[in-house]
Protein backbone atom coordinates (compact mmCIF):
# COMPACT_ATOMS: atom_id res chain seq x y z
CA UNK A 1 0.05 0.01 0.03
CA UNK A 2 1.37 3.46 -0.81
CA UNK A 3 0.48 6.67 1.04
CA UNK A 4 -3.09 7.95 0.59
CA UNK A 5 -4.28 4.84 -1.09
CA UNK A 6 -7.47 3.04 -0.10
CA UNK A 7 -8.47 -0.48 -0.89
CA UNK A 8 -12.19 -0.85 -1.05
CA UNK A 9 -13.84 -4.25 -0.88
CA UNK A 10 -17.55 -4.16 -1.69
CA UNK A 11 -20.13 -6.43 0.07
CA UNK A 12 -19.81 -9.92 -1.31
CA UNK A 13 -16.27 -9.52 -2.51
CA UNK A 14 -13.44 -11.70 -1.04
CA UNK A 15 -9.81 -11.15 -1.45
CA UNK A 16 -8.24 -14.57 -0.94
CA UNK A 17 -4.51 -14.95 -0.06
CA UNK A 18 -2.59 -17.32 -2.37
CA UNK A 19 -1.29 -20.39 -0.50
CA UNK A 20 2.14 -20.55 -2.23
CA UNK A 21 4.91 -19.74 0.24
CA UNK A 22 7.02 -18.44 -2.57
CA UNK A 23 4.63 -15.60 -3.07
CA UNK A 24 5.60 -14.34 0.44
CA UNK A 25 9.20 -15.24 0.34
CA UNK A 26 11.86 -12.95 1.80
CA UNK A 27 15.51 -13.24 0.76
CA UNK A 28 16.08 -15.86 3.46
CA UNK A 29 13.99 -18.45 1.76
CA UNK A 30 12.42 -19.56 5.01
CA UNK A 31 8.77 -18.91 4.24
CA UNK A 32 6.65 -22.04 4.64
CA UNK A 33 9.40 -23.78 6.63
CA UNK A 34 10.17 -24.45 10.28
CA UNK A 35 13.48 -22.95 11.41
CA UNK A 36 15.13 -21.62 14.63
CA UNK A 37 14.13 -18.11 13.69
CA UNK A 38 10.83 -16.81 12.32
CA UNK A 39 10.06 -13.68 10.24
CA UNK A 40 10.67 -15.40 6.98
CA UNK A 41 7.50 -14.19 5.22
CA UNK A 42 6.13 -10.95 3.96
CA UNK A 43 2.53 -10.11 4.91
CA UNK A 44 -0.40 -10.22 2.44
CA UNK A 45 -0.96 -6.49 2.76
CA UNK A 46 1.78 -4.07 4.02
CA UNK A 47 1.57 -0.42 5.01
CA UNK A 48 5.26 0.45 5.04
CA UNK A 49 6.45 4.08 5.49
CA UNK A 50 3.03 5.33 4.52
CA UNK A 51 0.85 8.25 5.62
CA UNK A 52 -2.93 8.16 5.03
CA UNK A 53 -5.04 5.50 3.36
CA UNK A 54 -6.52 2.33 4.54
CA UNK A 55 -9.00 -0.58 3.99
CA UNK A 56 -12.72 -0.01 3.63
CA UNK A 57 -15.92 -1.74 2.59
CA UNK A 58 -18.07 -4.61 3.68
CA UNK A 59 -16.08 -7.31 1.86
CA UNK A 60 -13.78 -10.01 3.29
CA UNK A 61 -10.08 -10.64 3.29
CA UNK A 62 -9.38 -14.33 3.75
CA UNK A 63 -5.84 -15.50 4.71
CA UNK A 64 -6.69 -19.17 3.92
CA UNK A 65 -4.60 -20.34 6.96
CA UNK A 66 -6.53 -23.62 6.94
CA UNK A 67 -5.86 -24.41 3.26
CA UNK A 68 -3.04 -26.53 2.15
CA UNK A 69 0.10 -24.73 1.26
CA UNK A 70 0.90 -25.16 -2.37
CA UNK A 71 3.14 -28.06 -3.04
CA UNK A 72 2.85 -29.42 0.57
CA UNK A 73 0.59 -31.70 2.57
CA UNK A 74 -0.09 -29.35 5.46
CA UNK A 75 -1.78 -26.04 6.04
CA UNK A 76 -0.18 -22.81 7.42
CA UNK A 77 -1.94 -23.59 10.86
CA UNK A 78 -0.59 -27.25 10.85
CA UNK A 79 2.86 -25.92 10.20
CA UNK A 80 2.52 -23.63 13.24
CA UNK A 81 1.45 -26.47 15.47
CA UNK A 82 4.27 -28.64 14.28
CA UNK A 83 6.73 -25.92 15.04
CA UNK A 84 5.20 -25.74 18.60
CA UNK A 85 5.80 -29.52 19.08
CA UNK A 86 9.39 -29.23 17.80
CA UNK A 87 10.19 -26.13 19.90
CA UNK A 88 11.02 -24.17 16.82
CA UNK A 89 9.54 -21.24 14.80
CA UNK A 90 7.02 -21.36 11.95
CA UNK A 91 7.55 -19.01 9.03
CA UNK A 92 4.11 -17.99 7.99
CA UNK A 93 2.64 -14.68 6.60
CA UNK A 94 0.78 -12.11 8.59
CA UNK A 95 -2.44 -10.83 7.08
CA UNK A 96 -1.89 -7.07 7.50
CA UNK A 97 1.31 -5.37 8.72
CA UNK A 98 1.68 -1.64 9.52
CA UNK A 99 5.23 -0.38 9.87
CA UNK A 100 6.21 3.24 10.29
CA UNK A 101 2.70 4.29 9.17
CA UNK A 102 0.70 7.24 10.09
CA UNK A 103 -3.01 8.04 9.81
CA UNK A 104 -4.32 4.71 8.76
CA UNK A 105 -8.04 3.65 8.91
CA UNK A 106 -9.60 0.22 8.57
CA UNK A 107 -13.47 0.16 8.50
CA UNK A 108 -16.19 -2.33 7.92
CA UNK A 109 -14.26 -5.23 6.52
CA UNK A 110 -14.15 -8.83 7.66
CA UNK A 111 -10.85 -10.55 8.14
CA UNK A 112 -10.80 -14.40 8.26
CA UNK A 113 -8.43 -17.29 8.62
CA UNK A 114 -5.11 -15.48 8.89
CA UNK A 115 -2.11 -17.66 8.84
CA UNK A 116 -0.52 -15.62 11.57
CA UNK A 117 -1.61 -12.16 13.12
CA UNK A 118 -4.47 -10.46 11.53
CA UNK A 119 -3.42 -6.88 12.06
CA UNK A 120 0.05 -6.13 13.51
CA UNK A 121 1.42 -2.56 14.15
CA UNK A 122 4.94 -1.33 14.55
CA UNK A 123 5.72 2.33 14.87
CA UNK A 124 2.24 3.38 14.00
CA UNK A 125 0.75 6.79 14.85
CA UNK A 126 -2.91 7.57 14.60
CA UNK A 127 -4.75 4.46 13.48
CA UNK A 128 -8.43 3.81 13.63
CA UNK A 129 -9.91 0.33 13.36
CA UNK A 130 -13.70 0.70 13.23
CA UNK A 131 -16.54 -1.87 12.87
CA UNK A 132 -14.26 -4.67 11.72
CA UNK A 133 -14.96 -8.38 12.05
CA UNK A 134 -12.15 -10.79 12.74
CA UNK A 135 -13.13 -14.46 12.69
CA UNK A 136 -10.71 -17.42 12.88
CA UNK A 137 -11.05 -20.85 14.48
CA UNK A 138 -10.06 -21.15 18.16
CA UNK A 139 -7.25 -23.75 17.57
CA UNK A 140 -5.43 -21.69 14.92
CA UNK A 141 -2.17 -20.99 16.60
CA UNK A 142 -0.65 -17.49 16.87
CA UNK A 143 -3.60 -15.81 15.08
CA UNK A 144 -3.90 -12.65 17.27
CA UNK A 145 -6.63 -10.30 16.18
CA UNK A 146 -5.03 -6.80 16.54
CA UNK A 147 -1.50 -6.20 18.00
CA UNK A 148 -0.54 -2.51 18.51
CA UNK A 149 3.23 -2.35 19.18
CA UNK A 150 5.56 0.60 19.55
CA UNK A 151 2.61 2.67 18.58
CA UNK A 152 0.41 5.61 19.92
CA UNK A 153 -2.95 7.18 19.31
CA UNK A 154 -4.64 3.94 18.25
CA UNK A 155 -8.47 3.48 18.45
CA UNK A 156 -10.18 0.15 18.08
CA UNK A 157 -13.93 0.59 18.21
CA UNK A 158 -17.26 -1.17 17.56
CA UNK A 159 -15.52 -4.31 16.34
CA UNK A 160 -16.13 -8.04 16.92
CA UNK A 161 -13.13 -10.39 17.35
CA UNK A 162 -12.71 -14.16 17.84
CA UNK A 163 -9.48 -15.91 17.06
CA UNK A 164 -6.98 -18.60 18.05
CA UNK A 165 -4.83 -16.42 20.27
CA UNK A 166 -5.11 -12.95 21.88
CA UNK A 167 -8.16 -11.06 20.65
CA UNK A 168 -6.10 -7.90 21.17
CA UNK A 169 -2.50 -7.75 22.53
CA UNK A 170 -0.87 -4.41 23.22
CA UNK A 171 2.94 -4.77 23.14
CA UNK A 172 6.02 -2.67 23.63
CA UNK A 173 9.30 -4.62 22.96
CA UNK A 174 12.62 -2.99 22.67
CA UNK A 175 11.55 -0.92 19.65
CA UNK A 176 9.63 1.68 21.65
CA UNK A 177 6.69 2.43 23.96
CA UNK A 178 2.92 1.97 23.23
CA UNK A 179 0.52 4.62 24.69
CA UNK A 180 -2.73 6.48 24.17
CA UNK A 181 -4.72 3.36 23.17
CA UNK A 182 -8.52 3.39 23.22
CA UNK A 183 -10.48 0.12 22.91
CA UNK A 184 -14.14 1.07 22.97
CA UNK A 185 -17.40 -0.83 22.66
CA UNK A 186 -15.96 -4.11 21.20
CA UNK A 187 -17.26 -7.65 21.36
CA UNK A 188 -14.96 -10.76 21.84
CA UNK A 189 -15.78 -14.28 21.12
CA UNK A 190 -13.33 -17.18 21.69
CA UNK A 191 -9.71 -16.25 22.09
CA UNK A 192 -7.16 -15.45 24.75
CA UNK A 193 -8.73 -12.11 25.72
CA UNK A 194 -7.72 -8.51 26.15
CA UNK A 195 -3.99 -8.65 26.69
CA UNK A 196 -1.18 -6.34 27.43
CA UNK A 197 2.25 -8.03 26.90
CA UNK A 198 4.15 -10.17 27.12
CA UNK A 199 6.93 -7.84 25.87
CA UNK A 200 6.61 -4.45 27.63
CA UNK A 201 10.25 -3.52 27.75
CA UNK A 202 9.67 0.00 26.49
CA UNK A 203 6.60 0.62 28.54
CA UNK A 204 2.77 0.61 28.03
CA UNK A 205 0.75 3.59 29.23
CA UNK A 206 -2.50 5.45 29.03
CA UNK A 207 -4.81 2.62 27.88
CA UNK A 208 -8.54 2.74 28.10
CA UNK A 209 -10.70 -0.40 27.68
CA UNK A 210 -14.34 0.54 27.90
CA UNK A 211 -17.57 -1.23 26.88
CA UNK A 212 -16.10 -4.52 26.20
CA UNK A 213 -17.84 -7.95 26.34
CA UNK A 214 -15.81 -11.08 26.55
CA UNK A 215 -17.81 -14.19 25.80
CA UNK A 216 -15.99 -17.47 26.44
CA UNK A 217 -12.49 -16.22 26.11
CA UNK A 218 -9.88 -18.18 27.94
CA UNK A 219 -8.50 -15.10 29.64
CA UNK A 220 -10.45 -11.94 30.21
CA UNK A 221 -8.49 -8.86 31.12
CA UNK A 222 -4.76 -9.82 31.08
CA UNK A 223 -1.42 -8.26 31.61
CA UNK A 224 1.48 -10.67 31.20
CA UNK A 225 5.16 -10.27 31.35
CA UNK A 226 8.38 -11.58 33.06
CA UNK A 227 11.86 -10.54 33.90
CA UNK A 228 13.16 -11.36 30.37
CA UNK A 229 10.82 -8.74 28.84
CA UNK A 230 9.37 -6.66 31.59
CA UNK A 231 8.83 -2.93 31.91
CA UNK A 232 6.44 -0.30 33.29
CA UNK A 233 2.76 -0.78 32.54
CA UNK A 234 0.77 2.17 33.96
CA UNK A 235 -2.50 4.11 33.78
CA UNK A 236 -4.61 1.34 32.39
CA UNK A 237 -8.37 1.65 32.97
CA UNK A 238 -10.92 -1.10 32.39
CA UNK A 239 -14.51 0.11 32.79
CA UNK A 240 -17.89 -1.21 31.92
CA UNK A 241 -16.68 -4.76 31.08
CA UNK A 242 -18.96 -7.80 31.00
CA UNK A 243 -17.57 -11.32 30.99
CA UNK A 244 -18.83 -14.91 31.12
CA UNK A 245 -17.38 -18.37 30.94
CA UNK A 246 -13.68 -17.32 31.33
CA UNK A 247 -11.21 -19.49 32.95
CA UNK A 248 -9.21 -16.55 34.12
CA UNK A 249 -11.39 -13.43 33.86
CA UNK A 250 -8.82 -11.20 35.42
CA UNK A 251 -5.11 -12.25 35.19
CA UNK A 252 -2.33 -9.83 36.02
CA UNK A 253 0.91 -11.90 36.10
CA UNK A 254 4.57 -10.71 36.32
CA UNK A 255 5.86 -14.33 36.03
CA UNK A 256 4.43 -15.20 32.59
CA UNK A 257 7.37 -17.52 31.94
CA UNK A 258 8.33 -18.98 35.31
CA UNK A 259 11.78 -19.99 34.00
CA UNK A 260 12.52 -16.54 32.64
CA UNK A 261 15.70 -14.74 33.80
CA UNK A 262 16.69 -11.18 33.29
CA UNK A 263 16.80 -7.74 34.91
CA UNK A 264 13.63 -6.33 33.20
CA UNK A 265 11.32 -6.48 36.17
CA UNK A 266 7.57 -6.00 35.25
CA UNK A 267 5.89 -3.21 37.20
CA UNK A 268 2.12 -2.66 36.85
CA UNK A 269 0.86 0.50 38.47
CA UNK A 270 -2.33 2.64 38.41
CA UNK A 271 -4.36 -0.32 36.99
CA UNK A 272 -8.03 0.59 37.46
CA UNK A 273 -11.04 -1.78 37.29
CA UNK A 274 -14.45 -0.03 37.42
CA UNK A 275 -17.82 -1.60 36.80
CA UNK A 276 -16.36 -4.91 35.72
CA UNK A 277 -18.69 -8.01 35.91
CA UNK A 278 -18.28 -11.66 35.35
CA UNK A 279 -19.42 -15.11 36.35
CA UNK A 280 -16.79 -17.45 37.84
CA UNK A 281 -13.25 -18.48 37.33
CA UNK A 282 -9.89 -17.60 38.87
CA UNK A 283 -9.01 -14.00 39.54
CA UNK A 284 -5.15 -13.72 39.56
CA UNK A 285 -3.10 -10.75 40.60
CA UNK A 286 0.54 -11.61 41.09
CA UNK A 287 3.17 -8.97 41.58
CA UNK A 288 6.83 -9.67 41.07
CA UNK A 289 8.01 -9.52 44.66
CA UNK A 290 7.31 -7.51 47.82
CA UNK A 291 9.50 -4.68 46.46
CA UNK A 292 7.58 -4.59 43.20
CA UNK A 293 3.91 -5.00 44.02
CA UNK A 294 1.02 -4.51 41.72
CA UNK A 295 -0.84 -1.23 42.24
CA UNK A 296 -4.53 -2.01 41.63
CA UNK A 297 -7.82 0.01 42.23
CA UNK A 298 -11.21 -1.77 42.10
CA UNK A 299 -14.70 -0.22 42.23
CA UNK A 300 -17.84 -2.19 41.63
CA UNK A 301 -16.21 -5.43 40.51
CA UNK A 302 -18.71 -8.13 40.65
CA UNK A 303 -18.29 -11.96 40.17
CA UNK A 304 -20.27 -14.92 41.48
CA UNK A 305 -19.21 -16.37 44.78
CA UNK A 306 -17.79 -19.40 42.93
CA UNK A 307 -15.00 -17.22 41.69
CA UNK A 308 -11.67 -17.45 43.46
CA UNK A 309 -8.92 -14.87 44.23
CA UNK A 310 -5.22 -15.67 43.91
CA UNK A 311 -3.52 -12.51 45.17
CA UNK A 312 0.24 -12.15 45.80
CA UNK A 313 2.52 -9.12 46.18
CA UNK A 314 -0.40 -6.79 45.32
CA UNK A 315 -1.59 -3.52 46.79
CA UNK A 316 -5.37 -3.17 46.18
CA UNK A 317 -7.67 -0.33 46.96
CA UNK A 318 -11.14 -1.60 46.62
CA UNK A 319 -14.80 -0.65 47.12
CA UNK A 320 -17.95 -2.64 46.23
CA UNK A 321 -16.19 -5.88 45.22
CA UNK A 322 -17.90 -9.29 45.11
CA UNK A 323 -16.67 -11.76 46.09
CA UNK A 324 -14.53 -9.85 48.55
CA UNK A 325 -10.75 -9.78 48.24
CA UNK A 326 -8.97 -11.99 50.73
CA UNK A 327 -9.06 -10.41 54.02
CA UNK A 328 -11.57 -7.76 52.89
CA UNK A 329 -15.14 -7.05 53.49
CA UNK A 330 -17.54 -6.48 50.55
CA UNK A 331 -20.42 -4.15 51.22
CA UNK A 332 -22.90 -2.01 49.26
CA UNK A 333 -22.77 -4.08 46.14
CA UNK A 334 -24.06 -2.64 42.85
CA UNK A 335 -26.92 -4.33 41.11
CA UNK A 336 -25.69 -3.12 37.75
CA UNK A 337 -24.11 -6.53 36.94
CA UNK A 338 -27.54 -7.94 36.02
CA UNK A 339 -27.45 -5.54 33.02
CA UNK A 340 -24.76 -7.59 31.51
CA UNK A 341 -27.15 -10.28 30.50
CA UNK A 342 -28.44 -7.90 27.78
CA UNK A 343 -24.98 -7.02 26.48
CA UNK A 344 -24.21 -10.44 24.93
CA UNK A 345 -25.18 -10.98 21.38
CA UNK A 346 -24.56 -13.59 18.62
CA UNK A 347 -21.34 -13.07 16.85
CA UNK A 348 -21.83 -11.36 13.53
CA UNK A 349 -22.66 -13.67 10.62
CA UNK A 350 -23.20 -16.61 12.96
CA UNK A 351 -26.57 -18.25 13.34
CA UNK A 352 -26.63 -17.85 17.04
CA UNK A 353 -24.46 -17.22 20.06
CA UNK A 354 -22.55 -20.44 21.00
CA UNK A 355 -24.00 -19.89 24.52
CA UNK A 356 -27.57 -19.50 23.47
CA UNK A 357 -29.67 -16.44 23.92
CA UNK A 358 -29.91 -16.34 27.68
CA UNK A 359 -27.50 -16.08 30.55
CA UNK A 360 -28.08 -16.37 34.26
CA UNK A 361 -25.93 -13.74 36.03
CA UNK A 362 -25.16 -13.76 39.83
CA UNK A 363 -27.65 -11.70 41.61
CA UNK A 364 -26.15 -8.75 43.48
CA UNK A 365 -26.92 -8.39 47.13
CA UNK A 366 -28.89 -5.39 48.24
CA UNK A 367 -26.63 -2.56 49.21
CA UNK A 368 -26.72 -0.87 52.54
């Protein structure tokens, strides 16, 4: 894509990625193979050193990750799984890559079956992703939905995402910080949830997640890192979030890889949960050590009494939390959590929600 160029896909149109690894080949010749290093393929669509332009329309871009690679007997996704078993790296193409790009918009399109990440950003400023559908099977490895990295002023709004890895993952490796990210009024189906990390070396800050539903994601609201790729994550606000059927609805972990070694200690501070509701599952908040505790604020956080807390090296300021934090007393609970039952809806273009049309939410006790 060149600066100022827009690709328009009309309703009913499908842009299908070819399945020949040679079409994506870099000079290394690794694309379509398993090696000790990845990054051997070019993406299907690349915004490189561009300003302005984007992707529009109501059509579909299909990465064909589940189709056989030309000249082989396995798919891109099967290659990725085999690489996992062999402890190596798959070389498969991303669907859309944005590098050193400014003022990019993606609106209305459907992205399906990416071989790897659907939308990945690196050094991006001022990007808007609006009313996009991302739909890929839950067992398709490393098929993140949208990954802003080393980027700022990114808005993701009114979109529906279900995929085989993180629905959204905000990252900040050694290439620069990520900040001023707004994730507003989105719907997540299956996937690994709303994530920050695991690489946060350069820092993540000023993130707002508001009006999000997470329906059957493995993780819900997640921040993950460790001492090999840690850094400062601060001023992150989650508000008006509804979750159901999540194994770990809240999971803040500074020991993502227990065997990791390094001096990059993860520090999470000014993390705010406000009007966050869920069913059951494990609520995990684990700071690095007593010298580097998590700094968490909770207001009107409401789960069923079946939910469990796992809290370690964490300082929590809380009010109106159900079930109560260990050692705390929960009082004056909000009844607003019952409104979550109306927020879940079938995933777009699917016949019905995989959970059906009704949900029983935990009743909130009457406040004092």
